[in-house]
PDB file of N, CA and C in Angstrom:
ATOM      1  N   MET A   1       3.270  63.962 100.001  1.00  0.00           N
ATOM      2  CA  MET A   1       4.134  62.802 100.087  1.00  0.00           C
ATOM      3  C   MET A   1       4.308  62.198  98.696  1.00  0.00           C
ATOM      4  N   ALA A   2       5.495  61.760  98.421  1.00  0.00           N
ATOM      5  CA  ALA A   2       5.792  61.162  97.120  1.00  0.00           C
ATOM      6  C   ALA A   2       5.081  59.820  96.989  1.00  0.00           C
ATOM      7  N   ASN A   3       4.896  59.385  95.746  1.00  0.00           N
ATOM      8  CA  ASN A   3       4.237  58.103  95.566  1.00  0.00           C
ATOM      9  C   ASN A   3       5.157  56.955  95.998  1.00  0.00           C
ATOM     10  N   LYS A   4       4.548  55.797  96.195  1.00  0.00           N
ATOM     11  CA  LYS A   4       5.259  54.630  96.724  1.00  0.00           C
ATOM     12  C   LYS A   4       6.466  54.256  95.872  1.00  0.00           C
ATOM     13  N   ARG A   5       6.321  54.297  94.574  1.00  0.00           N
ATOM     14  CA  ARG A   5       7.422  53.916  93.685  1.00  0.00           C
ATOM     15  C   ARG A   5       8.622  54.842  93.864  1.00  0.00           C
ATOM     16  N   THR A   6       8.362  56.139  93.941  1.00  0.00           N
ATOM     17  CA  THR A   6       9.434  57.115  94.124  1.00  0.00           C
ATOM     18  C   THR A   6      10.135  56.909  95.466  1.00  0.00           C
ATOM     19  N   VAL A   7       9.356  56.642  96.500  1.00  0.00           N
ATOM     20  CA  VAL A   7       9.923  56.404  97.832  1.00  0.00           C
ATOM     21  C   VAL A   7      10.823  55.183  97.799  1.00  0.00           C
ATOM     22  N   HIS A   8      10.368  54.116  97.162  1.00  0.00           N
ATOM     23  CA  HIS A   8      11.161  52.894  97.078  1.00  0.00           C
ATOM     24  C   HIS A   8      12.427  53.115  96.258  1.00  0.00           C
ATOM     25  N   GLU A   9      12.332  53.813  95.162  1.00  0.00           N
ATOM     26  CA  GLU A   9      13.511  54.094  94.334  1.00  0.00           C
ATOM     27  C   GLU A   9      14.545  54.880  95.134  1.00  0.00           C
ATOM     28  N   THR A  10      14.092  55.880  95.880  1.00  0.00           N
ATOM     29  CA  THR A  10      14.993  56.674  96.712  1.00  0.00           C
ATOM     30  C   THR A  10      15.639  55.799  97.769  1.00  0.00           C
ATOM     31  N   LEU A  11      14.865  54.922  98.379  1.00  0.00           N
ATOM     32  CA  LEU A  11      15.388  54.012  99.389  1.00  0.00           C
ATOM     33  C   LEU A  11      16.519  53.162  98.830  1.00  0.00           C
ATOM     34  N   TYR A  12      16.312  52.537  97.678  1.00  0.00           N
ATOM     35  CA  TYR A  12      17.331  51.651  97.113  1.00  0.00           C
ATOM     36  C   TYR A  12      18.561  52.405  96.608  1.00  0.00           C
ATOM     37  N   VAL A  13      18.356  53.593  96.081  1.00  0.00           N
ATOM     38  CA  VAL A  13      19.504  54.406  95.655  1.00  0.00           C
ATOM     39  C   VAL A  13      20.330  54.799  96.876  1.00  0.00           C
ATOM     40  N   CYS A  14      19.668  55.225  97.935  1.00  0.00           N
ATOM     41  CA  CYS A  14      20.384  55.615  99.150  1.00  0.00           C
ATOM     42  C   CYS A  14      21.057  54.419  99.815  1.00  0.00           C
ATOM     43  N   LEU A  15      20.417  53.278  99.794  1.00  0.00           N
ATOM     44  CA  LEU A  15      21.044  52.079 100.343  1.00  0.00           C
ATOM     45  C   LEU A  15      22.333  51.786  99.585  1.00  0.00           C
ATOM     46  N   GLY A  16      22.273  51.860  98.272  1.00  0.00           N
ATOM     47  CA  GLY A  16      23.459  51.619  97.454  1.00  0.00           C
ATOM     48  C   GLY A  16      24.563  52.617  97.722  1.00  0.00           C
ATOM     49  N   LYS A  17      24.207  53.895  97.834  1.00  0.00           N
ATOM     50  CA  LYS A  17      25.208  54.933  98.120  1.00  0.00           C
ATOM     51  C   LYS A  17      25.850  54.697  99.481  1.00  0.00           C
ATOM     52  N   THR A  18      25.035  54.311 100.445  1.00  0.00           N
ATOM     53  CA  THR A  18      25.531  54.075 101.797  1.00  0.00           C
ATOM     54  C   THR A  18      26.493  52.899 101.823  1.00  0.00           C
ATOM     55  N   ILE A  19      26.151  51.833 101.127  1.00  0.00           N
ATOM     56  CA  ILE A  19      27.026  50.657 101.051  1.00  0.00           C
ATOM     57  C   ILE A  19      28.335  51.023 100.361  1.00  0.00           C
ATOM     58  N   ALA A  20      28.253  51.704  99.244  1.00  0.00           N
ATOM     59  CA  ALA A  20      29.459  52.080  98.495  1.00  0.00           C
ATOM     60  C   ALA A  20      30.361  52.997  99.320  1.00  0.00           C
ATOM     61  N   ARG A  21      29.757  53.955 100.002  1.00  0.00           N
ATOM     62  CA  ARG A  21      30.538  54.894 100.819  1.00  0.00           C
ATOM     63  C   ARG A  21      31.291  54.148 101.920  1.00  0.00           C
ATOM     64  N   ARG A  22      30.617  53.243 102.621  1.00  0.00           N
ATOM     65  CA  ARG A  22      31.271  52.485 103.699  1.00  0.00           C
ATOM     66  C   ARG A  22      32.355  51.558 103.133  1.00  0.00           C
ATOM     67  N   ARG A  23      32.055  50.928 102.019  1.00  0.00           N
ATOM     68  CA  ARG A  23      33.034  50.028 101.391  1.00  0.00           C
ATOM     69  C   ARG A  23      34.310  50.791 101.054  1.00  0.00           C
ATOM     70  N   LYS A  24      34.151  51.973 100.499  1.00  0.00           N
ATOM     71  CA  LYS A  24      35.306  52.783 100.130  1.00  0.00           C
ATOM     72  C   LYS A  24      36.062  53.284 101.359  1.00  0.00           C
ATOM     73  N   GLN A  25      35.337  53.611 102.429  1.00  0.00           N
ATOM     74  CA  GLN A  25      35.992  54.011 103.680  1.00  0.00           C
ATOM     75  C   GLN A  25      36.892  52.889 104.192  1.00  0.00           C
ATOM     76  N   LEU A  26      36.431  51.655 104.018  1.00  0.00           N
ATOM     77  CA  LEU A  26      37.194  50.496 104.473  1.00  0.00           C
ATOM     78  C   LEU A  26      38.260  50.076 103.460  1.00  0.00           C
ATOM     79  N   LYS A  27      38.319  50.810 102.339  1.00  0.00           N
ATOM     80  CA  LYS A  27      39.284  50.514 101.268  1.00  0.00           C
ATOM     81  C   LYS A  27      39.123  49.088 100.733  1.00  0.00           C
ATOM     82  N   LEU A  28      37.857  48.710 100.550  1.00  0.00           N
ATOM     83  CA  LEU A  28      37.528  47.395  99.997  1.00  0.00           C
ATOM     84  C   LEU A  28      37.089  47.544  98.552  1.00  0.00           C
ATOM     85  N   SER A  29      37.456  46.604  97.727  1.00  0.00           N
ATOM     86  CA  SER A  29      36.909  46.546  96.371  1.00  0.00           C
ATOM     87  C   SER A  29      35.536  45.874  96.457  1.00  0.00           C
ATOM     88  N   GLN A  30      34.783  45.956  95.389  1.00  0.00           N
ATOM     89  CA  GLN A  30      33.506  45.239  95.363  1.00  0.00           C
ATOM     90  C   GLN A  30      33.749  43.740  95.511  1.00  0.00           C
ATOM     91  N   GLN A  31      34.809  43.240  94.911  1.00  0.00           N
ATOM     92  CA  GLN A  31      35.123  41.812  95.032  1.00  0.00           C
ATOM     93  C   GLN A  31      35.440  41.448  96.481  1.00  0.00           C
ATOM     94  N   ASP A  32      36.192  42.302  97.162  1.00  0.00           N
ATOM     95  CA  ASP A  32      36.502  42.061  98.574  1.00  0.00           C
ATOM     96  C   ASP A  32      35.217  41.970  99.395  1.00  0.00           C
ATOM     97  N   LEU A  33      34.333  42.942  99.202  1.00  0.00           N
ATOM     98  CA  LEU A  33      33.085  42.956  99.961  1.00  0.00           C
ATOM     99  C   LEU A  33      32.212  41.760  99.598  1.00  0.00           C
ATOM    100  N   ALA A  34      32.191  41.413  98.332  1.00  0.00           N
ATOM    101  CA  ALA A  34      31.414  40.244  97.913  1.00  0.00           C
ATOM    102  C   ALA A  34      31.897  38.993  98.652  1.00  0.00           C
ATOM    103  N   GLU A  35      33.194  38.842  98.749  1.00  0.00           N
ATOM    104  CA  GLU A  35      33.750  37.680  99.442  1.00  0.00           C
ATOM    105  C   GLU A  35      33.462  37.722 100.935  1.00  0.00           C
ATOM    106  N   LEU A  36      33.561  38.899 101.546  1.00  0.00           N
ATOM    107  CA  LEU A  36      33.296  39.034 102.973  1.00  0.00           C
ATOM    108  C   LEU A  36      31.830  38.811 103.325  1.00  0.00           C
ATOM    109  N   SER A  37      30.957  39.204 102.410  1.00  0.00           N
ATOM    110  CA  SER A  37      29.522  39.135 102.692  1.00  0.00           C
ATOM    111  C   SER A  37      28.840  37.902 102.110  1.00  0.00           C
ATOM    112  N   GLY A  38      29.511  37.233 101.184  1.00  0.00           N
ATOM    113  CA  GLY A  38      28.915  36.043 100.579  1.00  0.00           C
ATOM    114  C   GLY A  38      27.883  36.340  99.509  1.00  0.00           C
ATOM    115  N   VAL A  39      27.927  37.543  98.947  1.00  0.00           N
ATOM    116  CA  VAL A  39      27.021  37.877  97.844  1.00  0.00           C
ATOM    117  C   VAL A  39      27.836  37.991  96.560  1.00  0.00           C
ATOM    118  N   ASN A  40      27.182  37.842  95.452  1.00  0.00           N
ATOM    119  CA  ASN A  40      27.813  37.916  94.141  1.00  0.00           C
ATOM    120  C   ASN A  40      28.293  39.341  93.865  1.00  0.00           C
ATOM    121  N   ARG A  41      29.491  39.495  93.297  1.00  0.00           N
ATOM    122  CA  ARG A  41      30.037  40.824  93.017  1.00  0.00           C
ATOM    123  C   ARG A  41      29.164  41.628  92.061  1.00  0.00           C
ATOM    124  N   ALA A  42      28.642  40.987  91.035  1.00  0.00           N
ATOM    125  CA  ALA A  42      27.781  41.694  90.077  1.00  0.00           C
ATOM    126  C   ALA A  42      26.497  42.172  90.768  1.00  0.00           C
ATOM    127  N   PHE A  43      25.946  41.328  91.632  1.00  0.00           N
ATOM    128  CA  PHE A  43      24.760  41.712  92.396  1.00  0.00           C
ATOM    129  C   PHE A  43      25.086  42.921  93.282  1.00  0.00           C
ATOM    130  N   LEU A  44      26.217  42.872  93.958  1.00  0.00           N
ATOM    131  CA  LEU A  44      26.633  43.972  94.823  1.00  0.00           C
ATOM    132  C   LEU A  44      26.780  45.264  94.016  1.00  0.00           C
ATOM    133  N   SER A  45      27.379  45.169  92.846  1.00  0.00           N
ATOM    134  CA  SER A  45      27.523  46.332  91.975  1.00  0.00           C
ATOM    135  C   SER A  45      26.158  46.931  91.640  1.00  0.00           C
ATOM    136  N   ASN A  46      25.215  46.074  91.299  1.00  0.00           N
ATOM    137  CA  ASN A  46      23.864  46.546  90.969  1.00  0.00           C
ATOM    138  C   ASN A  46      23.163  47.153  92.177  1.00  0.00           C
ATOM    139  N   VAL A  47      23.392  46.596  93.360  1.00  0.00           N
ATOM    140  CA  VAL A  47      22.818  47.174  94.581  1.00  0.00           C
ATOM    141  C   VAL A  47      23.393  48.566  94.800  1.00  0.00           C
ATOM    142  N   GLU A  48      24.708  48.699  94.671  1.00  0.00           N
ATOM    143  CA  GLU A  48      25.340  50.008  94.865  1.00  0.00           C
ATOM    144  C   GLU A  48      24.821  51.048  93.877  1.00  0.00           C
ATOM    145  N   GLN A  49      24.433  50.625  92.706  1.00  0.00           N
ATOM    146  CA  GLN A  49      23.912  51.544  91.685  1.00  0.00           C
ATOM    147  C   GLN A  49      22.409  51.776  91.818  1.00  0.00           C
ATOM    148  N   GLY A  50      21.775  51.095  92.778  1.00  0.00           N
ATOM    149  CA  GLY A  50      20.332  51.231  92.971  1.00  0.00           C
ATOM    150  C   GLY A  50      19.519  50.506  91.919  1.00  0.00           C
ATOM    151  N   LYS A  51      20.143  49.564  91.214  1.00  0.00           N
ATOM    152  CA  LYS A  51      19.467  48.826  90.144  1.00  0.00           C
ATOM    153  C   LYS A  51      18.828  47.534  90.622  1.00  0.00           C
ATOM    154  N   ARG A  52      19.236  47.040  91.788  1.00  0.00           N
ATOM    155  CA  ARG A  52      18.676  45.802  92.342  1.00  0.00           C
ATOM    156  C   ARG A  52      18.129  46.097  93.727  1.00  0.00           C
ATOM    157  N   ASN A  53      17.089  45.390  94.090  1.00  0.00           N
ATOM    158  CA  ASN A  53      16.442  45.544  95.379  1.00  0.00           C
ATOM    159  C   ASN A  53      16.765  44.322  96.226  1.00  0.00           C
ATOM    160  N   PRO A  54      17.754  44.421  97.100  1.00  0.00           N
ATOM    161  CA  PRO A  54      18.180  43.258  97.862  1.00  0.00           C
ATOM    162  C   PRO A  54      17.174  42.859  98.932  1.00  0.00           C
ATOM    163  N   SER A  55      17.147  41.583  99.248  1.00  0.00           N
ATOM    164  CA  SER A  55      16.317  41.095 100.343  1.00  0.00           C
ATOM    165  C   SER A  55      16.920  41.567 101.661  1.00  0.00           C
ATOM    166  N   ILE A  56      16.153  41.461 102.723  1.00  0.00           N
ATOM    167  CA  ILE A  56      16.672  41.845 104.032  1.00  0.00           C
ATOM    168  C   ILE A  56      17.843  40.942 104.412  1.00  0.00           C
ATOM    169  N   GLY A  57      17.802  39.699 103.989  1.00  0.00           N
ATOM    170  CA  GLY A  57      18.920  38.792 104.249  1.00  0.00           C
ATOM    171  C   GLY A  57      20.188  39.239 103.547  1.00  0.00           C
ATOM    172  N   ALA A  58      20.061  39.674 102.297  1.00  0.00           N
ATOM    173  CA  ALA A  58      21.227  40.169 101.556  1.00  0.00           C
ATOM    174  C   ALA A  58      21.768  41.435 102.205  1.00  0.00           C
ATOM    175  N   VAL A  59      20.883  42.312 102.654  1.00  0.00           N
ATOM    176  CA  VAL A  59      21.318  43.539 103.324  1.00  0.00           C
ATOM    177  C   VAL A  59      22.065  43.183 104.608  1.00  0.00           C
ATOM    178  N   ALA A  60      21.559  42.204 105.349  1.00  0.00           N
ATOM    179  CA  ALA A  60      22.223  41.769 106.585  1.00  0.00           C
ATOM    180  C   ALA A  60      23.610  41.206 106.279  1.00  0.00           C
ATOM    181  N   SER A  61      23.721  40.430 105.214  1.00  0.00           N
ATOM    182  CA  SER A  61      25.026  39.864 104.834  1.00  0.00           C
ATOM    183  C   SER A  61      26.005  40.952 104.431  1.00  0.00           C
ATOM    184  N   ILE A  62      25.527  41.929 103.679  1.00  0.00           N
ATOM    185  CA  ILE A  62      26.378  43.038 103.249  1.00  0.00           C
ATOM    186  C   ILE A  62      26.815  43.850 104.467  1.00  0.00           C
ATOM    187  N   ALA A  63      25.886  44.121 105.380  1.00  0.00           N
ATOM    188  CA  ALA A  63      26.237  44.865 106.598  1.00  0.00           C
ATOM    189  C   ALA A  63      27.321  44.123 107.373  1.00  0.00           C
ATOM    190  N   GLN A  64      27.184  42.819 107.479  1.00  0.00           N
ATOM    191  CA  GLN A  64      28.189  42.023 108.179  1.00  0.00           C
ATOM    192  C   GLN A  64      29.544  42.145 107.474  1.00  0.00           C
ATOM    193  N   GLY A  65      29.542  42.086 106.158  1.00  0.00           N
ATOM    194  CA  GLY A  65      30.774  42.246 105.391  1.00  0.00           C
ATOM    195  C   GLY A  65      31.407  43.612 105.579  1.00  0.00           C
ATOM    196  N   LEU A  66      30.582  44.608 105.882  1.00  0.00           N
ATOM    197  CA  LEU A  66      31.060  45.973 106.122  1.00  0.00           C
ATOM    198  C   LEU A  66      31.403  46.204 107.598  1.00  0.00           C
ATOM    199  N   SER A  67      31.311  45.151 108.402  1.00  0.00           N
ATOM    200  CA  SER A  67      31.579  45.232 109.847  1.00  0.00           C
ATOM    201  C   SER A  67      30.664  46.241 110.531  1.00  0.00           C
ATOM    202  N   MET A  68      29.382  46.214 110.145  1.00  0.00           N
ATOM    203  CA  MET A  68      28.392  47.095 110.754  1.00  0.00           C
ATOM    204  C   MET A  68      27.171  46.284 111.151  1.00  0.00           C
ATOM    205  N   ARG A  69      26.455  46.804 112.104  1.00  0.00           N
ATOM    206  CA  ARG A  69      25.152  46.235 112.422  1.00  0.00           C
ATOM    207  C   ARG A  69      24.189  46.663 111.302  1.00  0.00           C
ATOM    208  N   ILE A  70      23.238  45.817 111.020  1.00  0.00           N
ATOM    209  CA  ILE A  70      22.255  46.171 109.984  1.00  0.00           C
ATOM    210  C   ILE A  70      21.505  47.437 110.387  1.00  0.00           C
ATOM    211  N   SER A  71      21.238  47.604 111.671  1.00  0.00           N
ATOM    212  CA  SER A  71      20.525  48.799 112.132  1.00  0.00           C
ATOM    213  C   SER A  71      21.326  50.063 111.823  1.00  0.00           C
ATOM    214  N   ARG A  72      22.636  50.016 111.983  1.00  0.00           N
ATOM    215  CA  ARG A  72      23.483  51.177 111.692  1.00  0.00           C
ATOM    216  C   ARG A  72      23.489  51.484 110.193  1.00  0.00           C
ATOM    217  N   LEU A  73      23.544  50.445 109.389  1.00  0.00           N
ATOM    218  CA  LEU A  73      23.489  50.622 107.939  1.00  0.00           C
ATOM    219  C   LEU A  73      22.177  51.303 107.542  1.00  0.00           C
ATOM    220  N   LEU A  74      21.080  50.871 108.149  1.00  0.00           N
ATOM    221  CA  LEU A  74      19.779  51.446 107.811  1.00  0.00           C
ATOM    222  C   LEU A  74      19.639  52.878 108.324  1.00  0.00           C
ATOM    223  N   VAL A  75      20.250  53.182 109.469  1.00  0.00           N
ATOM    224  CA  VAL A  75      20.238  54.565 109.966  1.00  0.00           C
ATOM    225  C   VAL A  75      20.966  55.469 108.978  1.00  0.00           C
ATOM    226  N   LYS A  76      22.131  55.015 108.508  1.00  0.00           N
ATOM    227  CA  LYS A  76      22.884  55.794 107.518  1.00  0.00           C
ATOM    228  C   LYS A  76      22.068  55.971 106.237  1.00  0.00           C
ATOM    229  N   CYS A  77      21.361  54.936 105.847  1.00  0.00           N
ATOM    230  CA  CYS A  77      20.500  54.996 104.663  1.00  0.00           C
ATOM    231  C   CYS A  77      19.380  56.020 104.890  1.00  0.00           C
ATOM    232  N   ASP A  78      18.791  55.996 106.081  1.00  0.00           N
ATOM    233  CA  ASP A  78      17.720  56.933 106.412  1.00  0.00           C
ATOM    234  C   ASP A  78      18.217  58.376 106.357  1.00  0.00           C
ATOM    235  N   GLU A  79      19.449  58.612 106.800  1.00  0.00           N
ATOM    236  CA  GLU A  79      20.034  59.954 106.730  1.00  0.00           C
ATOM    237  C   GLU A  79      20.149  60.408 105.276  1.00  0.00           C
ATOM    238  N   CYS A  80      20.538  59.499 104.399  1.00  0.00           N
ATOM    239  CA  CYS A  80      20.638  59.801 102.963  1.00  0.00           C
ATOM    240  C   CYS A  80      19.267  60.166 102.410  1.00  0.00           C
ATOM    241  N   ILE A  81      18.244  59.412 102.807  1.00  0.00           N
ATOM    242  CA  ILE A  81      16.884  59.673 102.321  1.00  0.00           C
ATOM    243  C   ILE A  81      16.440  61.073 102.756  1.00  0.00           C
ATOM    244  N   LYS A  82      16.691  61.419 104.015  1.00  0.00           N
ATOM    245  CA  LYS A  82      16.318  62.743 104.506  1.00  0.00           C
ATOM    246  C   LYS A  82      17.035  63.834 103.734  1.00  0.00           C
ATOM    247  N   ASP A  83      18.318  63.636 103.462  1.00  0.00           N
ATOM    248  CA  ASP A  83      19.077  64.601 102.656  1.00  0.00           C
ATOM    249  C   ASP A  83      18.465  64.752 101.265  1.00  0.00           C
ATOM    250  N   SER A  84      18.059  63.627 100.670  1.00  0.00           N
ATOM    251  CA  SER A  84      17.449  63.649  99.329  1.00  0.00           C
ATOM    252  C   SER A  84      16.139  64.405  99.345  1.00  0.00           C
ATOM    253  N   GLU A  85      15.349  64.218 100.399  1.00  0.00           N
ATOM    254  CA  GLU A  85      14.071  64.903 100.512  1.00  0.00           C
ATOM    255  C   GLU A  85      14.274  66.408 100.671  1.00  0.00           C
ATOM    256  N   GLU A  86      15.300  66.778 101.457  1.00  0.00           N
ATOM    257  CA  GLU A  86      15.571  68.205 101.651  1.00  0.00           C
ATOM    258  C   GLU A  86      16.030  68.858 100.357  1.00  0.00           C
ATOM    259  N   GLU A  87      16.832  68.140  99.582  1.00  0.00           N
ATOM    260  CA  GLU A  87      17.294  68.676  98.296  1.00  0.00           C
ATOM    261  C   GLU A  87      16.146  68.851  97.325  1.00  0.00           C
ATOM    262  N   ALA A  88      15.134  67.972  97.420  1.00  0.00           N
ATOM    263  CA  ALA A  88      13.992  68.043  96.512  1.00  0.00           C
ATOM    264  C   ALA A  88      13.030  69.177  96.881  1.00  0.00           C
ATOM    265  N   SER A  89      13.108  69.634  98.130  1.00  0.00           N
ATOM    266  CA  SER A  89      12.195  70.691  98.598  1.00  0.00           C
ATOM    267  C   SER A  89      12.596  72.056  98.121  1.00  0.00           C
TER     268      SER A  89
END
């Protein structure tokens, strides 16, 4: 099993990829999503790049802005993590 830091880094990178992918599917700009979710656009950009670790509240707000349940967002994130683990094997 990978160390805790690596697991967390993978989690945040996958969360960011998942958010960006859904945002683009909805044809939203980062500014649009920031306004819909009530989070700062620069913060959202950093989350999408895996550079910031959002609180569960921020994740819930972003999920709402993406018109998704937080559980669905996390399932999609989990799928990304599994894909990353398979690629590393």
